[in-house]
N, C-alpha and C. Protein backbone atom coordinates (compact mmCIF):
# COMPACT_ATOMS: atom_id res chain seq x y z
N MET A 1 0.84 -1.18 0.00
CA MET A 1 0.00 0.00 0.00
C MET A 1 0.89 1.24 0.00
N VAL A 2 0.51 2.18 -0.82
CA VAL A 2 1.28 3.42 -0.94
C VAL A 2 0.89 4.36 0.20
N THR A 3 1.90 4.90 0.85
CA THR A 3 1.61 5.81 1.95
C THR A 3 1.09 7.13 1.41
N LEU A 4 0.44 7.86 2.27
CA LEU A 4 -0.14 9.14 1.88
C LEU A 4 0.94 10.14 1.46
N ALA A 5 2.07 10.14 2.14
CA ALA A 5 3.15 11.06 1.79
C ALA A 5 3.72 10.75 0.41
N ARG A 6 3.88 9.47 0.11
CA ARG A 6 4.41 9.09 -1.19
C ARG A 6 3.42 9.44 -2.30
N ARG A 7 2.14 9.24 -2.05
CA ARG A 7 1.11 9.60 -3.04
C ARG A 7 1.10 11.11 -3.27
N ALA A 8 1.23 11.90 -2.21
CA ALA A 8 1.25 13.35 -2.34
C ALA A 8 2.48 13.80 -3.14
N ALA A 9 3.61 13.13 -2.95
CA ALA A 9 4.81 13.47 -3.71
C ALA A 9 4.61 13.19 -5.19
N ARG A 10 3.94 12.10 -5.52
CA ARG A 10 3.67 11.78 -6.92
C ARG A 10 2.73 12.81 -7.54
N ILE A 11 1.73 13.23 -6.79
CA ILE A 11 0.77 14.21 -7.30
C ILE A 11 1.47 15.54 -7.55
N ARG A 12 2.40 15.92 -6.70
CA ARG A 12 3.13 17.17 -6.90
C ARG A 12 4.11 17.08 -8.05
N PHE A 13 4.62 15.89 -8.34
CA PHE A 13 5.59 15.71 -9.41
C PHE A 13 4.94 15.72 -10.78
N ALA A 14 3.69 15.32 -10.89
CA ALA A 14 3.01 15.21 -12.19
C ALA A 14 2.98 16.54 -12.96
N PRO A 15 2.58 17.66 -12.35
CA PRO A 15 2.58 18.91 -13.12
C PRO A 15 3.99 19.35 -13.53
N VAL A 16 4.97 19.07 -12.71
CA VAL A 16 6.35 19.42 -13.05
C VAL A 16 6.81 18.60 -14.25
N ALA A 17 6.51 17.31 -14.24
CA ALA A 17 6.89 16.45 -15.36
C ALA A 17 6.16 16.88 -16.63
N ALA A 18 4.88 17.22 -16.52
CA ALA A 18 4.12 17.67 -17.69
C ALA A 18 4.69 18.96 -18.25
N ALA A 19 5.09 19.87 -17.38
CA ALA A 19 5.68 21.12 -17.84
C ALA A 19 7.02 20.88 -18.53
N MET A 20 7.81 19.95 -18.01
CA MET A 20 9.10 19.64 -18.63
C MET A 20 8.90 19.03 -20.02
N PHE A 21 7.96 18.11 -20.16
CA PHE A 21 7.69 17.51 -21.47
C PHE A 21 7.12 18.55 -22.43
N GLY A 22 6.28 19.43 -21.95
CA GLY A 22 5.74 20.49 -22.80
C GLY A 22 6.82 21.44 -23.27
N PHE A 23 7.73 21.80 -22.39
CA PHE A 23 8.84 22.68 -22.76
C PHE A 23 9.74 22.01 -23.79
N ALA A 24 10.01 20.71 -23.60
CA ALA A 24 10.84 19.98 -24.57
C ALA A 24 10.15 19.91 -25.93
N ALA A 25 8.85 19.69 -25.94
CA ALA A 25 8.11 19.64 -27.21
C ALA A 25 8.13 21.01 -27.89
N ALA A 26 7.99 22.07 -27.13
CA ALA A 26 8.03 23.42 -27.70
C ALA A 26 9.39 23.73 -28.31
N ILE A 27 10.45 23.31 -27.66
CA ILE A 27 11.80 23.53 -28.18
C ILE A 27 11.99 22.75 -29.48
N LEU A 28 11.51 21.51 -29.52
CA LEU A 28 11.65 20.71 -30.74
C LEU A 28 10.87 21.32 -31.91
N VAL A 29 9.68 21.80 -31.65
CA VAL A 29 8.88 22.42 -32.72
C VAL A 29 9.53 23.72 -33.17
N ALA A 30 10.05 24.49 -32.25
CA ALA A 30 10.69 25.76 -32.60
C ALA A 30 11.98 25.55 -33.40
N ALA A 31 12.68 24.45 -33.13
CA ALA A 31 13.94 24.17 -33.81
C ALA A 31 13.74 23.47 -35.15
N MET A 32 12.52 23.01 -35.42
CA MET A 32 12.23 22.27 -36.64
C MET A 32 12.24 23.22 -37.85
N PRO A 33 12.82 22.78 -38.97
CA PRO A 33 12.77 23.61 -40.18
C PRO A 33 11.33 23.88 -40.61
N LYS A 34 11.09 25.08 -41.12
CA LYS A 34 9.73 25.51 -41.46
C LYS A 34 9.09 24.59 -42.50
N ALA A 35 9.85 24.18 -43.50
CA ALA A 35 9.30 23.32 -44.55
C ALA A 35 8.85 21.97 -43.99
N LEU A 36 9.63 21.41 -43.07
CA LEU A 36 9.25 20.14 -42.45
C LEU A 36 8.00 20.30 -41.60
N PHE A 37 7.92 21.38 -40.84
CA PHE A 37 6.75 21.63 -40.01
C PHE A 37 5.49 21.79 -40.85
N GLU A 38 5.60 22.56 -41.95
CA GLU A 38 4.44 22.75 -42.82
C GLU A 38 4.03 21.44 -43.47
N GLY A 39 5.00 20.60 -43.83
CA GLY A 39 4.68 19.30 -44.41
C GLY A 39 3.96 18.40 -43.43
N LEU A 40 4.38 18.42 -42.18
CA LEU A 40 3.71 17.61 -41.16
C LEU A 40 2.28 18.09 -40.92
N ILE A 41 2.09 19.40 -40.90
CA ILE A 41 0.75 19.95 -40.71
C ILE A 41 -0.15 19.57 -41.88
N ALA A 42 0.35 19.69 -43.10
CA ALA A 42 -0.45 19.36 -44.28
C ALA A 42 -0.77 17.87 -44.31
N ALA A 43 0.18 17.02 -43.94
CA ALA A 43 -0.03 15.57 -43.95
C ALA A 43 -0.99 15.12 -42.86
N SER A 44 -1.14 15.90 -41.81
CA SER A 44 -2.02 15.52 -40.71
C SER A 44 -3.49 15.68 -41.05
N GLY A 45 -3.80 16.48 -42.07
CA GLY A 45 -5.20 16.72 -42.42
C GLY A 45 -5.81 17.88 -41.66
N LEU A 46 -5.04 18.55 -40.85
CA LEU A 46 -5.54 19.68 -40.07
C LEU A 46 -6.07 20.82 -40.93
N PRO A 47 -5.45 21.15 -42.07
CA PRO A 47 -5.99 22.24 -42.89
C PRO A 47 -7.40 21.97 -43.42
N GLY A 48 -7.79 20.72 -43.54
CA GLY A 48 -9.15 20.40 -43.97
C GLY A 48 -10.19 20.73 -42.93
N VAL A 49 -9.78 20.76 -41.67
CA VAL A 49 -10.70 21.04 -40.57
C VAL A 49 -10.59 22.48 -40.11
N PHE A 50 -9.39 23.02 -40.14
CA PHE A 50 -9.10 24.36 -39.62
C PHE A 50 -8.36 25.15 -40.70
N ALA A 51 -9.09 25.97 -41.44
CA ALA A 51 -8.54 26.65 -42.62
C ALA A 51 -7.29 27.49 -42.35
N PRO A 52 -7.16 28.20 -41.22
CA PRO A 52 -5.92 28.97 -41.00
C PRO A 52 -4.66 28.11 -40.88
N ALA A 53 -4.80 26.80 -40.76
CA ALA A 53 -3.63 25.92 -40.66
C ALA A 53 -3.10 25.52 -42.03
N THR A 54 -3.64 26.08 -43.10
CA THR A 54 -3.18 25.76 -44.44
C THR A 54 -1.82 26.40 -44.70
N PRO A 55 -0.81 25.60 -45.12
CA PRO A 55 0.49 26.19 -45.44
C PRO A 55 0.39 27.16 -46.60
N PRO A 56 1.21 28.18 -46.72
CA PRO A 56 2.33 28.50 -45.87
C PRO A 56 1.89 29.14 -44.56
N LEU A 57 2.42 28.63 -43.50
CA LEU A 57 2.08 29.14 -42.17
C LEU A 57 2.86 30.42 -41.89
N GLY A 58 2.30 31.28 -41.09
CA GLY A 58 2.98 32.51 -40.71
C GLY A 58 2.64 33.70 -41.58
N LEU A 59 1.82 33.51 -42.60
CA LEU A 59 1.45 34.63 -43.46
C LEU A 59 0.09 35.20 -43.11
N THR A 60 -0.58 34.63 -42.11
CA THR A 60 -1.91 35.12 -41.74
C THR A 60 -1.82 36.17 -40.67
């Protein structure tokens, strides 16, 4: 059985871990070449659902 203190420590760690993964994802997207990013967006089908996501991105 997990003690209350250990459970509380896990609950406090979850937002920190989520923030770290989010920051890492943001860095990877920011470092990605624009052409690759636009290709991934177009291949995902997002422009069919959300018109402003149509490449070229950044001109809107």
